[in-house]
C-alpha atoms as a PDB file:
ATOM      1  CA  GLU A   1      -6.024  -3.817 -39.784  1.00  0.00           C
ATOM      2  CA  PHE A   2      -6.499  -7.548 -39.237  1.00  0.00           C
ATOM      3  CA  ALA A   3      -6.939  -7.033 -35.507  1.00  0.00           C
ATOM      4  CA  LYS A   4      -9.535  -4.303 -36.048  1.00  0.00           C
ATOM      5  CA  ASP A   5     -11.519  -6.579 -38.347  1.00  0.00           C
ATOM      6  CA  LEU A   6     -11.353  -9.456 -35.879  1.00  0.00           C
ATOM      7  CA  GLN A   7     -12.406  -7.182 -33.054  1.00  0.00           C
ATOM      8  CA  ALA A   8     -15.331  -5.938 -35.132  1.00  0.00           C
ATOM      9  CA  GLN A   9     -16.373  -9.583 -35.543  1.00  0.00           C
ATOM     10  CA  GLY A  10     -16.730  -9.840 -31.784  1.00  0.00           C
ATOM     11  CA  ARG A  11     -13.356 -11.036 -30.535  1.00  0.00           C
ATOM     12  CA  GLY A  12     -11.709  -9.446 -27.524  1.00  0.00           C
ATOM     13  CA  VAL A  13      -8.867  -6.963 -27.925  1.00  0.00           C
ATOM     14  CA  VAL A  14      -6.100  -9.320 -26.791  1.00  0.00           C
ATOM     15  CA  GLU A  15      -7.497 -12.285 -28.710  1.00  0.00           C
ATOM     16  CA  ALA A  16      -7.806 -10.185 -31.884  1.00  0.00           C
ATOM     17  CA  ALA A  17      -4.259  -8.844 -31.523  1.00  0.00           C
ATOM     18  CA  LEU A  18      -2.815 -12.335 -30.991  1.00  0.00           C
ATOM     19  CA  ALA A  19      -4.728 -13.803 -33.929  1.00  0.00           C
ATOM     20  CA  ALA A  20      -3.665 -10.943 -36.203  1.00  0.00           C
ATOM     21  CA  ALA A  21      -0.044 -11.262 -35.075  1.00  0.00           C
ATOM     22  CA  HIS A  22      -0.175 -14.980 -35.807  1.00  0.00           C
ATOM     23  CA  MET A  23      -1.585 -14.347 -39.305  1.00  0.00           C
ATOM     24  CA  ARG A  24       1.034 -11.692 -40.120  1.00  0.00           C
ATOM     25  CA  PHE A  25       4.105 -13.387 -38.578  1.00  0.00           C
ATOM     26  CA  ARG A  26       5.216 -15.408 -41.608  1.00  0.00           C
ATOM     27  CA  PRO A  27       4.807 -12.627 -44.210  1.00  0.00           C
ATOM     28  CA  ILE A  28       6.720 -10.183 -42.004  1.00  0.00           C
ATOM     29  CA  VAL A  29       9.585 -12.603 -41.358  1.00  0.00           C
ATOM     30  CA  MET A  30       9.801 -13.741 -44.992  1.00  0.00           C
ATOM     31  CA  THR A  31       9.929 -10.163 -46.269  1.00  0.00           C
ATOM     32  CA  SER A  32      12.586  -9.241 -43.730  1.00  0.00           C
ATOM     33  CA  MET A  33      14.678 -12.300 -44.540  1.00  0.00           C
ATOM     34  CA  ALA A  34      14.513 -11.634 -48.279  1.00  0.00           C
ATOM     35  CA  PHE A  35      15.627  -8.039 -47.809  1.00  0.00           C
ATOM     36  CA  THR A  36      18.360  -8.981 -45.323  1.00  0.00           C
ATOM     37  CA  LEU A  37      19.749 -11.698 -47.596  1.00  0.00           C
ATOM     38  CA  GLY A  38      19.670  -9.259 -50.499  1.00  0.00           C
ATOM     39  CA  VAL A  39      21.772  -6.754 -48.566  1.00  0.00           C
ATOM     40  CA  LEU A  40      24.132  -9.361 -47.095  1.00  0.00           C
ATOM     41  CA  PRO A  41      26.695  -9.032 -49.934  1.00  0.00           C
ATOM     42  CA  LEU A  42      26.940  -5.343 -49.101  1.00  0.00           C
ATOM     43  CA  ALA A  43      27.779  -6.162 -45.474  1.00  0.00           C
ATOM     44  CA  LEU A  44      30.327  -8.805 -46.514  1.00  0.00           C
ATOM     45  CA  ALA A  45      32.015  -6.680 -49.196  1.00  0.00           C
ATOM     46  CA  SER A  46      35.756  -6.858 -49.731  1.00  0.00           C
ATOM     47  CA  GLY A  47      38.162  -4.906 -51.859  1.00  0.00           C
ATOM     48  CA  ALA A  48      38.301  -1.222 -52.710  1.00  0.00           C
ATOM     49  CA  GLY A  49      35.687   0.811 -50.862  1.00  0.00           C
ATOM     50  CA  SER A  50      34.601  -2.156 -48.769  1.00  0.00           C
ATOM     51  CA  ALA A  51      34.753  -0.239 -45.485  1.00  0.00           C
ATOM     52  CA  SER A  52      31.951   2.101 -46.494  1.00  0.00           C
ATOM     53  CA  GLN A  53      29.943  -0.735 -48.051  1.00  0.00           C
ATOM     54  CA  ARG A  54      30.252  -2.807 -44.863  1.00  0.00           C
ATOM     55  CA  ALA A  55      29.160   0.152 -42.753  1.00  0.00           C
ATOM     56  CA  ILE A  56      26.090   0.728 -44.908  1.00  0.00           C
ATOM     57  CA  GLY A  57      25.269  -2.990 -45.108  1.00  0.00           C
ATOM     58  CA  THR A  58      25.604  -3.483 -41.361  1.00  0.00           C
ATOM     59  CA  GLY A  59      23.415  -0.479 -40.624  1.00  0.00           C
ATOM     60  CA  VAL A  60      20.734  -1.549 -43.080  1.00  0.00           C
ATOM     61  CA  ILE A  61      20.666  -5.129 -41.765  1.00  0.00           C
ATOM     62  CA  GLY A  62      20.502  -3.886 -38.175  1.00  0.00           C
ATOM     63  CA  GLY A  63      17.646  -1.570 -39.053  1.00  0.00           C
ATOM     64  CA  MET A  64      15.726  -4.347 -40.781  1.00  0.00           C
ATOM     65  CA  LEU A  65      16.173  -6.711 -37.828  1.00  0.00           C
ATOM     66  CA  THR A  66      15.051  -3.978 -35.436  1.00  0.00           C
ATOM     67  CA  GLY A  67      12.037  -3.203 -37.603  1.00  0.00           C
ATOM     68  CA  THR A  68      11.104  -6.873 -37.722  1.00  0.00           C
ATOM     69  CA  VAL A  69      11.241  -7.204 -33.943  1.00  0.00           C
ATOM     70  CA  LEU A  70       9.147  -4.065 -33.552  1.00  0.00           C
ATOM     71  CA  ALA A  71       6.583  -5.258 -36.097  1.00  0.00           C
ATOM     72  CA  VAL A  72       6.265  -8.735 -34.628  1.00  0.00           C
ATOM     73  CA  PHE A  73       6.211  -7.928 -30.913  1.00  0.00           C
ATOM     74  CA  PHE A  74       5.530  -4.274 -30.227  1.00  0.00           C
ATOM     75  CA  VAL A  75       2.787  -3.496 -32.755  1.00  0.00           C
ATOM     76  CA  PRO A  76       0.323  -5.993 -31.201  1.00  0.00           C
ATOM     77  CA  ILE A  77       1.226  -4.761 -27.705  1.00  0.00           C
ATOM     78  CA  PHE A  78       0.662  -1.133 -28.678  1.00  0.00           C
ATOM     79  CA  PHE A  79      -2.594  -2.064 -30.416  1.00  0.00           C
ATOM     80  CA  VAL A  80      -3.928  -3.544 -27.177  1.00  0.00           C
ATOM     81  CA  LEU A  81      -2.701  -0.598 -25.106  1.00  0.00           C
ATOM     82  CA  VAL A  82      -4.204   2.032 -27.411  1.00  0.00           C
ATOM     83  CA  ARG A  83      -7.507   0.165 -27.729  1.00  0.00           C
ATOM     84  CA  ARG A  84      -7.779  -0.097 -23.951  1.00  0.00           C
ATOM     85  CA  LEU A  85      -6.775   3.526 -23.474  1.00  0.00           C
ATOM     86  CA  PHE A  86      -9.396   4.859 -25.885  1.00  0.00           C
ATOM     87  CA  LYS A  87     -12.064   2.249 -25.181  1.00  0.00           C
ATOM     88  CA  GLY A  88     -14.409   4.794 -23.620  1.00  0.00           C
ATOM     89  CA  SER A  89     -13.865   7.561 -26.166  1.00  0.00           C
ATOM     90  CA  ALA A  90     -16.776   8.933 -28.174  1.00  0.00           C
ATOM     91  CA  ARG A  91     -15.228   7.932 -31.514  1.00  0.00           C
ATOM     92  CA  GLN A  92     -14.787   4.348 -30.357  1.00  0.00           C
ATOM     93  CA  ARG A  93     -18.400   4.144 -29.160  1.00  0.00           C
ATOM     94  CA  GLN A  94     -19.592   5.454 -32.544  1.00  0.00           C
ATOM     95  CA  PHE A  95     -17.369   2.935 -34.338  1.00  0.00           C
ATOM     96  CA  ASP A  96     -18.636   0.074 -32.182  1.00  0.00           C
ATOM     97  CA  ALA A  97     -22.257   1.117 -32.674  1.00  0.00           C
ATOM     98  CA  ALA A  98     -21.837   1.336 -36.451  1.00  0.00           C
ATOM     99  CA  HIS A  99     -20.229  -2.103 -36.655  1.00  0.00           C
ATOM    100  CA  ALA A 100     -22.699  -3.679 -34.249  1.00  0.00           C
ATOM    101  CA  HIS A 101     -25.508  -3.040 -36.737  1.00  0.00           C
ATOM    102  CA  GLN A 102     -23.554  -4.734 -39.523  1.00  0.00           C
ATOM    103  CA  HIS A 103     -22.917  -7.919 -37.554  1.00  0.00           C
ATOM    104  CA  THR A 104     -26.324  -8.508 -36.013  1.00  0.00           C
ATOM    105  CA  GLU A 105     -29.024 -10.460 -37.735  1.00  0.00           C
ATOM    106  CA  PRO A 106     -32.551  -9.123 -37.721  1.00  0.00           C
ATOM    107  CA  GLN A 107     -34.774 -10.827 -35.200  1.00  0.00           C
ATOM    108  CA  GLU A 108     -38.033 -12.413 -36.236  1.00  0.00           C
ATOM    109  CA  ARG A 109     -41.163 -10.552 -35.254  1.00  0.00           C
ATOM    110  CA  HIS A 110     -44.096 -12.522 -33.958  1.00  0.00           C
ATOM    111  CA  ALA A 111     -47.560 -11.158 -34.577  1.00  0.00           C
END
């Protein structure tokens, strides 16, 4: 969403994706760390039933780390690829035309 807004403001696709990724990096990592640290006791469980708790905890932590990597690196890459792939589509041209009118200032008319 951030990248689409930046692109609508006139930035290039790659520049918008990089700026959006930079803005979203800290919130994504902080959320992932909080969740991972919350599940860490499950992965480090000991005592009765600890084998199943460790299996669940390890799987959940692995999934969160994988999701974080995908969100940080692959989402911006896929955004650029999809935008370039559908750059010439009719929907994109309509979207660009609609947003171009919002971001242009009216020119003065000389009599």
